[in-house]
Amino acid sequence: MKILETVKGISVLATSVGVSSIVSNAIKFVTPISSMNPIMKVCVCVGSFALSTMISDKTSSWTGEQIDIIADGIKNAIKEEDDNNGES
């Protein structure tokens, strides 16, 4: 189980960092920050951080859930195979 938790942790971390970077870059690409006054620049930066963090958090949770579902499916398949071999 330790290997599964390690793989899950690495996957969730990679997903979080990747999604956060993608969202931040997308916001930077579509937001003309150079033409904004200083207050709006701060607001856009704070909003960008909040949005990328929220999306990253949700995506990371989803990734963890999918890994758990796959692991449970594999465990159940192995258990069923063991049970079927024991009946022979």
PDB file of N, CA and C in Angstrom:
ATOM      1  N   MET A   1       0.819  -1.212   0.000  1.00  0.00           N
ATOM      2  CA  MET A   1       0.000   0.000   0.000  1.00  0.00           C
ATOM      3  C   MET A   1       0.849   1.257   0.000  1.00  0.00           C
ATOM      4  N   LYS A   2       2.061   1.137   0.529  1.00  0.00           N
ATOM      5  CA  LYS A   2       2.911   2.308   0.586  1.00  0.00           C
ATOM      6  C   LYS A   2       3.248   2.810  -0.822  1.00  0.00           C
ATOM      7  N   ILE A   3       3.445   1.884  -1.750  1.00  0.00           N
ATOM      8  CA  ILE A   3       3.750   2.274  -3.131  1.00  0.00           C
ATOM      9  C   ILE A   3       2.564   3.009  -3.739  1.00  0.00           C
ATOM     10  N   LEU A   4       1.366   2.510  -3.500  1.00  0.00           N
ATOM     11  CA  LEU A   4       0.163   3.153  -4.030  1.00  0.00           C
ATOM     12  C   LEU A   4       0.025   4.574  -3.496  1.00  0.00           C
ATOM     13  N   GLU A   5       0.246   4.754  -2.211  1.00  0.00           N
ATOM     14  CA  GLU A   5       0.144   6.089  -1.624  1.00  0.00           C
ATOM     15  C   GLU A   5       1.209   7.029  -2.190  1.00  0.00           C
ATOM     16  N   THR A   6       2.401   6.507  -2.456  1.00  0.00           N
ATOM     17  CA  THR A   6       3.465   7.312  -3.044  1.00  0.00           C
ATOM     18  C   THR A   6       3.100   7.724  -4.466  1.00  0.00           C
ATOM     19  N   VAL A   7       2.625   6.770  -5.258  1.00  0.00           N
ATOM     20  CA  VAL A   7       2.209   7.072  -6.628  1.00  0.00           C
ATOM     21  C   VAL A   7       1.064   8.075  -6.629  1.00  0.00           C
ATOM     22  N   LYS A   8       0.126   7.879  -5.724  1.00  0.00           N
ATOM     23  CA  LYS A   8      -1.015   8.790  -5.621  1.00  0.00           C
ATOM     24  C   LYS A   8      -0.537  10.202  -5.253  1.00  0.00           C
ATOM     25  N   GLY A   9       0.346  10.301  -4.270  1.00  0.00           N
ATOM     26  CA  GLY A   9       0.854  11.608  -3.854  1.00  0.00           C
ATOM     27  C   GLY A   9       1.582  12.328  -4.967  1.00  0.00           C
ATOM     28  N   ILE A  10       2.431  11.600  -5.681  1.00  0.00           N
ATOM     29  CA  ILE A  10       3.165  12.204  -6.799  1.00  0.00           C
ATOM     30  C   ILE A  10       2.204  12.639  -7.898  1.00  0.00           C
ATOM     31  N   SER A  11       1.223  11.803  -8.203  1.00  0.00           N
ATOM     32  CA  SER A  11       0.252  12.134  -9.255  1.00  0.00           C
ATOM     33  C   SER A  11      -0.577  13.359  -8.897  1.00  0.00           C
ATOM     34  N   VAL A  12      -1.020  13.417  -7.649  1.00  0.00           N
ATOM     35  CA  VAL A  12      -1.827  14.552  -7.198  1.00  0.00           C
ATOM     36  C   VAL A  12      -0.993  15.831  -7.216  1.00  0.00           C
ATOM     37  N   LEU A  13       0.255  15.749  -6.774  1.00  0.00           N
ATOM     38  CA  LEU A  13       1.135  16.914  -6.791  1.00  0.00           C
ATOM     39  C   LEU A  13       1.403  17.391  -8.217  1.00  0.00           C
ATOM     40  N   ALA A  14       1.712  16.463  -9.108  1.00  0.00           N
ATOM     41  CA  ALA A  14       1.964  16.831 -10.504  1.00  0.00           C
ATOM     42  C   ALA A  14       0.728  17.457 -11.140  1.00  0.00           C
ATOM     43  N   THR A  15      -0.430  16.899 -10.846  1.00  0.00           N
ATOM     44  CA  THR A  15      -1.678  17.455 -11.367  1.00  0.00           C
ATOM     45  C   THR A  15      -1.898  18.866 -10.840  1.00  0.00           C
ATOM     46  N   SER A  16      -1.690  19.047  -9.564  1.00  0.00           N
ATOM     47  CA  SER A  16      -1.896  20.353  -8.941  1.00  0.00           C
ATOM     48  C   SER A  16      -0.988  21.417  -9.549  1.00  0.00           C
ATOM     49  N   VAL A  17       0.287  21.114  -9.646  1.00  0.00           N
ATOM     50  CA  VAL A  17       1.244  22.077 -10.193  1.00  0.00           C
ATOM     51  C   VAL A  17       0.959  22.349 -11.665  1.00  0.00           C
ATOM     52  N   GLY A  18       0.685  21.295 -12.420  1.00  0.00           N
ATOM     53  CA  GLY A  18       0.423  21.458 -13.851  1.00  0.00           C
ATOM     54  C   GLY A  18      -0.824  22.278 -14.137  1.00  0.00           C
ATOM     55  N   VAL A  19      -1.912  21.953 -13.467  1.00  0.00           N
ATOM     56  CA  VAL A  19      -3.167  22.671 -13.692  1.00  0.00           C
ATOM     57  C   VAL A  19      -3.041  24.123 -13.244  1.00  0.00           C
ATOM     58  N   SER A  20      -2.410  24.342 -12.123  1.00  0.00           N
ATOM     59  CA  SER A  20      -2.221  25.705 -11.632  1.00  0.00           C
ATOM     60  C   SER A  20      -1.428  26.534 -12.631  1.00  0.00           C
ATOM     61  N   SER A  21      -0.397  25.956 -13.187  1.00  0.00           N
ATOM     62  CA  SER A  21       0.430  26.655 -14.176  1.00  0.00           C
ATOM     63  C   SER A  21      -0.361  26.953 -15.447  1.00  0.00           C
ATOM     64  N   ILE A  22      -1.124  25.982 -15.914  1.00  0.00           N
ATOM     65  CA  ILE A  22      -1.921  26.166 -17.127  1.00  0.00           C
ATOM     66  C   ILE A  22      -2.954  27.272 -16.937  1.00  0.00           C
ATOM     67  N   VAL A  23      -3.663  27.232 -15.823  1.00  0.00           N
ATOM     68  CA  VAL A  23      -4.691  28.240 -15.557  1.00  0.00           C
ATOM     69  C   VAL A  23      -4.065  29.628 -15.432  1.00  0.00           C
ATOM     70  N   SER A  24      -2.961  29.722 -14.699  1.00  0.00           N
ATOM     71  CA  SER A  24      -2.293  31.019 -14.536  1.00  0.00           C
ATOM     72  C   SER A  24      -1.835  31.578 -15.884  1.00  0.00           C
ATOM     73  N   ASN A  25      -1.253  30.716 -16.711  1.00  0.00           N
ATOM     74  CA  ASN A  25      -0.807  31.165 -18.031  1.00  0.00           C
ATOM     75  C   ASN A  25      -1.975  31.573 -18.917  1.00  0.00           C
ATOM     76  N   ALA A  26      -3.077  30.856 -18.838  1.00  0.00           N
ATOM     77  CA  ALA A  26      -4.256  31.208 -19.630  1.00  0.00           C
ATOM     78  C   ALA A  26      -4.799  32.567 -19.214  1.00  0.00           C
ATOM     79  N   ILE A  27      -4.837  32.807 -17.909  1.00  0.00           N
ATOM     80  CA  ILE A  27      -5.329  34.097 -17.413  1.00  0.00           C
ATOM     81  C   ILE A  27      -4.408  35.225 -17.865  1.00  0.00           C
ATOM     82  N   LYS A  28      -3.098  34.994 -17.766  1.00  0.00           N
ATOM     83  CA  LYS A  28      -2.133  36.010 -18.209  1.00  0.00           C
ATOM     84  C   LYS A  28      -2.291  36.305 -19.697  1.00  0.00           C
ATOM     85  N   PHE A  29      -2.568  35.274 -20.481  1.00  0.00           N
ATOM     86  CA  PHE A  29      -2.689  35.430 -21.928  1.00  0.00           C
ATOM     87  C   PHE A  29      -3.904  36.264 -22.324  1.00  0.00           C
ATOM     88  N   VAL A  30      -5.001  36.112 -21.609  1.00  0.00           N
ATOM     89  CA  VAL A  30      -6.237  36.793 -21.999  1.00  0.00           C
ATOM     90  C   VAL A  30      -6.522  38.070 -21.220  1.00  0.00           C
ATOM     91  N   THR A  31      -5.677  38.390 -20.243  1.00  0.00           N
ATOM     92  CA  THR A  31      -5.916  39.567 -19.409  1.00  0.00           C
ATOM     93  C   THR A  31      -4.856  40.630 -19.703  1.00  0.00           C
ATOM     94  N   PRO A  32      -5.255  41.771 -20.262  1.00  0.00           N
ATOM     95  CA  PRO A  32      -4.287  42.831 -20.600  1.00  0.00           C
ATOM     96  C   PRO A  32      -3.870  43.624 -19.356  1.00  0.00           C
ATOM     97  N   ILE A  33      -3.015  43.038 -18.546  1.00  0.00           N
ATOM     98  CA  ILE A  33      -2.671  43.625 -17.257  1.00  0.00           C
ATOM     99  C   ILE A  33      -1.870  44.928 -17.397  1.00  0.00           C
ATOM    100  N   SER A  34      -1.145  45.085 -18.482  1.00  0.00           N
ATOM    101  CA  SER A  34      -0.309  46.279 -18.643  1.00  0.00           C
ATOM    102  C   SER A  34      -1.132  47.561 -18.770  1.00  0.00           C
ATOM    103  N   SER A  35      -2.377  47.439 -19.211  1.00  0.00           N
ATOM    104  CA  SER A  35      -3.215  48.628 -19.388  1.00  0.00           C
ATOM    105  C   SER A  35      -4.090  48.927 -18.168  1.00  0.00           C
ATOM    106  N   MET A  36      -3.878  48.191 -17.074  1.00  0.00           N
ATOM    107  CA  MET A  36      -4.705  48.369 -15.877  1.00  0.00           C
ATOM    108  C   MET A  36      -4.035  49.307 -14.874  1.00  0.00           C
ATOM    109  N   ASN A  37      -4.878  49.919 -14.045  1.00  0.00           N
ATOM    110  CA  ASN A  37      -4.321  50.726 -12.965  1.00  0.00           C
ATOM    111  C   ASN A  37      -3.814  49.796 -11.859  1.00  0.00           C
ATOM    112  N   PRO A  38      -2.997  50.289 -10.941  1.00  0.00           N
ATOM    113  CA  PRO A  38      -2.394  49.418  -9.921  1.00  0.00           C
ATOM    114  C   PRO A  38      -3.393  48.627  -9.073  1.00  0.00           C
ATOM    115  N   ILE A  39      -4.516  49.222  -8.747  1.00  0.00           N
ATOM    116  CA  ILE A  39      -5.511  48.509  -7.936  1.00  0.00           C
ATOM    117  C   ILE A  39      -6.081  47.321  -8.709  1.00  0.00           C
ATOM    118  N   MET A  40      -6.384  47.526  -9.974  1.00  0.00           N
ATOM    119  CA  MET A  40      -6.914  46.427 -10.787  1.00  0.00           C
ATOM    120  C   MET A  40      -5.860  45.339 -10.991  1.00  0.00           C
ATOM    121  N   LYS A  41      -4.598  45.721 -11.117  1.00  0.00           N
ATOM    122  CA  LYS A  41      -3.532  44.722 -11.252  1.00  0.00           C
ATOM    123  C   LYS A  41      -3.498  43.810 -10.032  1.00  0.00           C
ATOM    124  N   VAL A  42      -3.592  44.413  -8.853  1.00  0.00           N
ATOM    125  CA  VAL A  42      -3.600  43.619  -7.624  1.00  0.00           C
ATOM    126  C   VAL A  42      -4.827  42.716  -7.585  1.00  0.00           C
ATOM    127  N   CYS A  43      -5.984  43.263  -7.939  1.00  0.00           N
ATOM    128  CA  CYS A  43      -7.222  42.466  -7.934  1.00  0.00           C
ATOM    129  C   CYS A  43      -7.134  41.298  -8.912  1.00  0.00           C
ATOM    130  N   VAL A  44      -6.606  41.548 -10.081  1.00  0.00           N
ATOM    131  CA  VAL A  44      -6.479  40.488 -11.076  1.00  0.00           C
ATOM    132  C   VAL A  44      -5.492  39.425 -10.598  1.00  0.00           C
ATOM    133  N   CYS A  45      -4.393  39.833  -9.988  1.00  0.00           N
ATOM    134  CA  CYS A  45      -3.416  38.865  -9.471  1.00  0.00           C
ATOM    135  C   CYS A  45      -4.021  38.006  -8.360  1.00  0.00           C
ATOM    136  N   VAL A  46      -4.746  38.634  -7.448  1.00  0.00           N
ATOM    137  CA  VAL A  46      -5.388  37.887  -6.364  1.00  0.00           C
ATOM    138  C   VAL A  46      -6.460  36.956  -6.929  1.00  0.00           C
ATOM    139  N   GLY A  47      -7.263  37.468  -7.833  1.00  0.00           N
ATOM    140  CA  GLY A  47      -8.299  36.630  -8.453  1.00  0.00           C
ATOM    141  C   GLY A  47      -7.705  35.484  -9.245  1.00  0.00           C
ATOM    142  N   SER A  48      -6.614  35.749  -9.947  1.00  0.00           N
ATOM    143  CA  SER A  48      -5.936  34.712 -10.712  1.00  0.00           C
ATOM    144  C   SER A  48      -5.425  33.608  -9.795  1.00  0.00           C
ATOM    145  N   PHE A  49      -4.822  34.017  -8.678  1.00  0.00           N
ATOM    146  CA  PHE A  49      -4.333  33.041  -7.711  1.00  0.00           C
ATOM    147  C   PHE A  49      -5.483  32.208  -7.148  1.00  0.00           C
ATOM    148  N   ALA A  50      -6.568  32.868  -6.775  1.00  0.00           N
ATOM    149  CA  ALA A  50      -7.719  32.154  -6.203  1.00  0.00           C
ATOM    150  C   ALA A  50      -8.313  31.177  -7.214  1.00  0.00           C
ATOM    151  N   LEU A  51      -8.480  31.629  -8.437  1.00  0.00           N
ATOM    152  CA  LEU A  51      -9.071  30.771  -9.470  1.00  0.00           C
ATOM    153  C   LEU A  51      -8.180  29.579  -9.782  1.00  0.00           C
ATOM    154  N   SER A  52      -6.891  29.810  -9.960  1.00  0.00           N
ATOM    155  CA  SER A  52      -5.998  28.699 -10.283  1.00  0.00           C
ATOM    156  C   SER A  52      -5.898  27.725  -9.113  1.00  0.00           C
ATOM    157  N   THR A  53      -5.938  28.232  -7.891  1.00  0.00           N
ATOM    158  CA  THR A  53      -5.885  27.359  -6.715  1.00  0.00           C
ATOM    159  C   THR A  53      -7.153  26.515  -6.601  1.00  0.00           C
ATOM    160  N   MET A  54      -8.310  27.130  -6.828  1.00  0.00           N
ATOM    161  CA  MET A  54      -9.569  26.394  -6.742  1.00  0.00           C
ATOM    162  C   MET A  54      -9.643  25.289  -7.799  1.00  0.00           C
ATOM    163  N   ILE A  55      -9.288  25.630  -9.022  1.00  0.00           N
ATOM    164  CA  ILE A  55      -9.336  24.639 -10.103  1.00  0.00           C
ATOM    165  C   ILE A  55      -8.320  23.531  -9.845  1.00  0.00           C
ATOM    166  N   SER A  56      -7.133  23.912  -9.412  1.00  0.00           N
ATOM    167  CA  SER A  56      -6.091  22.934  -9.113  1.00  0.00           C
ATOM    168  C   SER A  56      -6.520  22.001  -7.988  1.00  0.00           C
ATOM    169  N   ASP A  57      -7.133  22.539  -6.952  1.00  0.00           N
ATOM    170  CA  ASP A  57      -7.588  21.735  -5.820  1.00  0.00           C
ATOM    171  C   ASP A  57      -8.632  20.716  -6.257  1.00  0.00           C
ATOM    172  N   LYS A  58      -9.597  21.149  -7.035  1.00  0.00           N
ATOM    173  CA  LYS A  58     -10.654  20.247  -7.493  1.00  0.00           C
ATOM    174  C   LYS A  58     -10.090  19.161  -8.407  1.00  0.00           C
ATOM    175  N   THR A  59      -9.199  19.537  -9.298  1.00  0.00           N
ATOM    176  CA  THR A  59      -8.610  18.573 -10.222  1.00  0.00           C
ATOM    177  C   THR A  59      -7.738  17.568  -9.478  1.00  0.00           C
ATOM    178  N   SER A  60      -7.002  18.037  -8.482  1.00  0.00           N
ATOM    179  CA  SER A  60      -6.174  17.137  -7.680  1.00  0.00           C
ATOM    180  C   SER A  60      -7.039  16.145  -6.905  1.00  0.00           C
ATOM    181  N   SER A  61      -8.131  16.608  -6.349  1.00  0.00           N
ATOM    182  CA  SER A  61      -9.057  15.715  -5.638  1.00  0.00           C
ATOM    183  C   SER A  61      -9.612  14.661  -6.584  1.00  0.00           C
ATOM    184  N   TRP A  62      -9.978  15.081  -7.778  1.00  0.00           N
ATOM    185  CA  TRP A  62     -10.509  14.152  -8.770  1.00  0.00           C
ATOM    186  C   TRP A  62      -9.457  13.103  -9.132  1.00  0.00           C
ATOM    187  N   THR A  63      -8.212  13.540  -9.306  1.00  0.00           N
ATOM    188  CA  THR A  63      -7.135  12.610  -9.640  1.00  0.00           C
ATOM    189  C   THR A  63      -6.966  11.564  -8.538  1.00  0.00           C
ATOM    190  N   GLY A  64      -6.960  12.011  -7.295  1.00  0.00           N
ATOM    191  CA  GLY A  64      -6.846  11.085  -6.173  1.00  0.00           C
ATOM    192  C   GLY A  64      -7.992  10.089  -6.133  1.00  0.00           C
ATOM    193  N   GLU A  65      -9.196  10.568  -6.383  1.00  0.00           N
ATOM    194  CA  GLU A  65     -10.373   9.689  -6.397  1.00  0.00           C
ATOM    195  C   GLU A  65     -10.268   8.649  -7.511  1.00  0.00           C
ATOM    196  N   GLN A  66      -9.799   9.069  -8.688  1.00  0.00           N
ATOM    197  CA  GLN A  66      -9.669   8.133  -9.799  1.00  0.00           C
ATOM    198  C   GLN A  66      -8.629   7.063  -9.499  1.00  0.00           C
ATOM    199  N   ILE A  67      -7.536   7.445  -8.869  1.00  0.00           N
ATOM    200  CA  ILE A  67      -6.513   6.465  -8.493  1.00  0.00           C
ATOM    201  C   ILE A  67      -7.092   5.469  -7.494  1.00  0.00           C
ATOM    202  N   ASP A  68      -7.872   5.951  -6.533  1.00  0.00           N
ATOM    203  CA  ASP A  68      -8.506   5.058  -5.561  1.00  0.00           C
ATOM    204  C   ASP A  68      -9.470   4.088  -6.246  1.00  0.00           C
ATOM    205  N   ILE A  69     -10.250   4.591  -7.189  1.00  0.00           N
ATOM    206  CA  ILE A  69     -11.199   3.730  -7.918  1.00  0.00           C
ATOM    207  C   ILE A  69     -10.459   2.642  -8.697  1.00  0.00           C
ATOM    208  N   ILE A  70      -9.387   3.030  -9.378  1.00  0.00           N
ATOM    209  CA  ILE A  70      -8.603   2.063 -10.154  1.00  0.00           C
ATOM    210  C   ILE A  70      -7.968   1.032  -9.228  1.00  0.00           C
ATOM    211  N   ALA A  71      -7.395   1.501  -8.107  1.00  0.00           N
ATOM    212  CA  ALA A  71      -6.757   0.581  -7.155  1.00  0.00           C
ATOM    213  C   ALA A  71      -7.775  -0.396  -6.578  1.00  0.00           C
ATOM    214  N   ASP A  72      -8.962   0.098  -6.233  1.00  0.00           N
ATOM    215  CA  ASP A  72     -10.015  -0.782  -5.705  1.00  0.00           C
ATOM    216  C   ASP A  72     -10.434  -1.809  -6.753  1.00  0.00           C
ATOM    217  N   GLY A  73     -10.540  -1.383  -8.002  1.00  0.00           N
ATOM    218  CA  GLY A  73     -10.891  -2.311  -9.081  1.00  0.00           C
ATOM    219  C   GLY A  73      -9.866  -3.401  -9.250  1.00  0.00           C
ATOM    220  N   ILE A  74      -8.598  -3.032  -9.176  1.00  0.00           N
ATOM    221  CA  ILE A  74      -7.525  -4.026  -9.298  1.00  0.00           C
ATOM    222  C   ILE A  74      -7.552  -4.985  -8.109  1.00  0.00           C
ATOM    223  N   LYS A  75      -7.722  -4.444  -6.902  1.00  0.00           N
ATOM    224  CA  LYS A  75      -7.785  -5.295  -5.698  1.00  0.00           C
ATOM    225  C   LYS A  75      -8.942  -6.282  -5.799  1.00  0.00           C
ATOM    226  N   ASN A  76     -10.101  -5.797  -6.227  1.00  0.00           N
ATOM    227  CA  ASN A  76     -11.274  -6.671  -6.339  1.00  0.00           C
ATOM    228  C   ASN A  76     -11.069  -7.740  -7.403  1.00  0.00           C
ATOM    229  N   ALA A  77     -10.442  -7.373  -8.520  1.00  0.00           N
ATOM    230  CA  ALA A  77     -10.186  -8.345  -9.585  1.00  0.00           C
ATOM    231  C   ALA A  77      -9.226  -9.421  -9.099  1.00  0.00           C
ATOM    232  N   ILE A  78      -8.200  -9.024  -8.358  1.00  0.00           N
ATOM    233  CA  ILE A  78      -7.247 -10.002  -7.829  1.00  0.00           C
ATOM    234  C   ILE A  78      -7.923 -10.901  -6.801  1.00  0.00           C
ATOM    235  N   LYS A  79      -8.760 -10.306  -5.944  1.00  0.00           N
ATOM    236  CA  LYS A  79      -9.465 -11.082  -4.923  1.00  0.00           C
ATOM    237  C   LYS A  79     -10.409 -12.087  -5.580  1.00  0.00           C
ATOM    238  N   GLU A  80     -11.136 -11.648  -6.604  1.00  0.00           N
ATOM    239  CA  GLU A  80     -12.052 -12.561  -7.301  1.00  0.00           C
ATOM    240  C   GLU A  80     -11.288 -13.691  -7.966  1.00  0.00           C
ATOM    241  N   GLU A  81     -10.143 -13.373  -8.555  1.00  0.00           N
ATOM    242  CA  GLU A  81      -9.316 -14.410  -9.185  1.00  0.00           C
ATOM    243  C   GLU A  81      -8.812 -15.399  -8.158  1.00  0.00           C
ATOM    244  N   ASP A  82      -8.360 -14.901  -7.008  1.00  0.00           N
ATOM    245  CA  ASP A  82      -7.914 -15.780  -5.931  1.00  0.00           C
ATOM    246  C   ASP A  82      -9.059 -16.650  -5.428  1.00  0.00           C
ATOM    247  N   ASP A  83     -10.246 -16.034  -5.266  1.00  0.00           N
ATOM    248  CA  ASP A  83     -11.413 -16.796  -4.815  1.00  0.00           C
ATOM    249  C   ASP A  83     -11.786 -17.872  -5.815  1.00  0.00           C
ATOM    250  N   ASN A  84     -11.730 -17.550  -7.099  1.00  0.00           N
ATOM    251  CA  ASN A  84     -12.078 -18.529  -8.138  1.00  0.00           C
ATOM    252  C   ASN A  84     -11.057 -19.651  -8.202  1.00  0.00           C
ATOM    253  N   ASN A  85      -9.783 -19.343  -7.993  1.00  0.00           N
ATOM    254  CA  ASN A  85      -8.747 -20.378  -8.015  1.00  0.00           C
ATOM    255  C   ASN A  85      -8.855 -21.284  -6.781  1.00  0.00           C
ATOM    256  N   GLY A  86      -9.332 -20.753  -5.694  1.00  0.00           N
ATOM    257  CA  GLY A  86      -9.485 -21.542  -4.460  1.00  0.00           C
ATOM    258  C   GLY A  86     -10.625 -22.540  -4.556  1.00  0.00           C
ATOM    259  N   GLU A  87     -11.592 -22.267  -5.414  1.00  0.00           N
ATOM    260  CA  GLU A  87     -12.757 -23.155  -5.542  1.00  0.00           C
ATOM    261  C   GLU A  87     -12.468 -24.372  -6.401  1.00  0.00           C
ATOM    262  N   SER A  88     -11.427 -24.316  -7.211  1.00  0.00           N
ATOM    263  CA  SER A  88     -11.132 -25.407  -8.140  1.00  0.00           C
ATOM    264  C   SER A  88     -10.728 -26.665  -7.445  1.00  0.00           C
TER     265      SER A  88
END
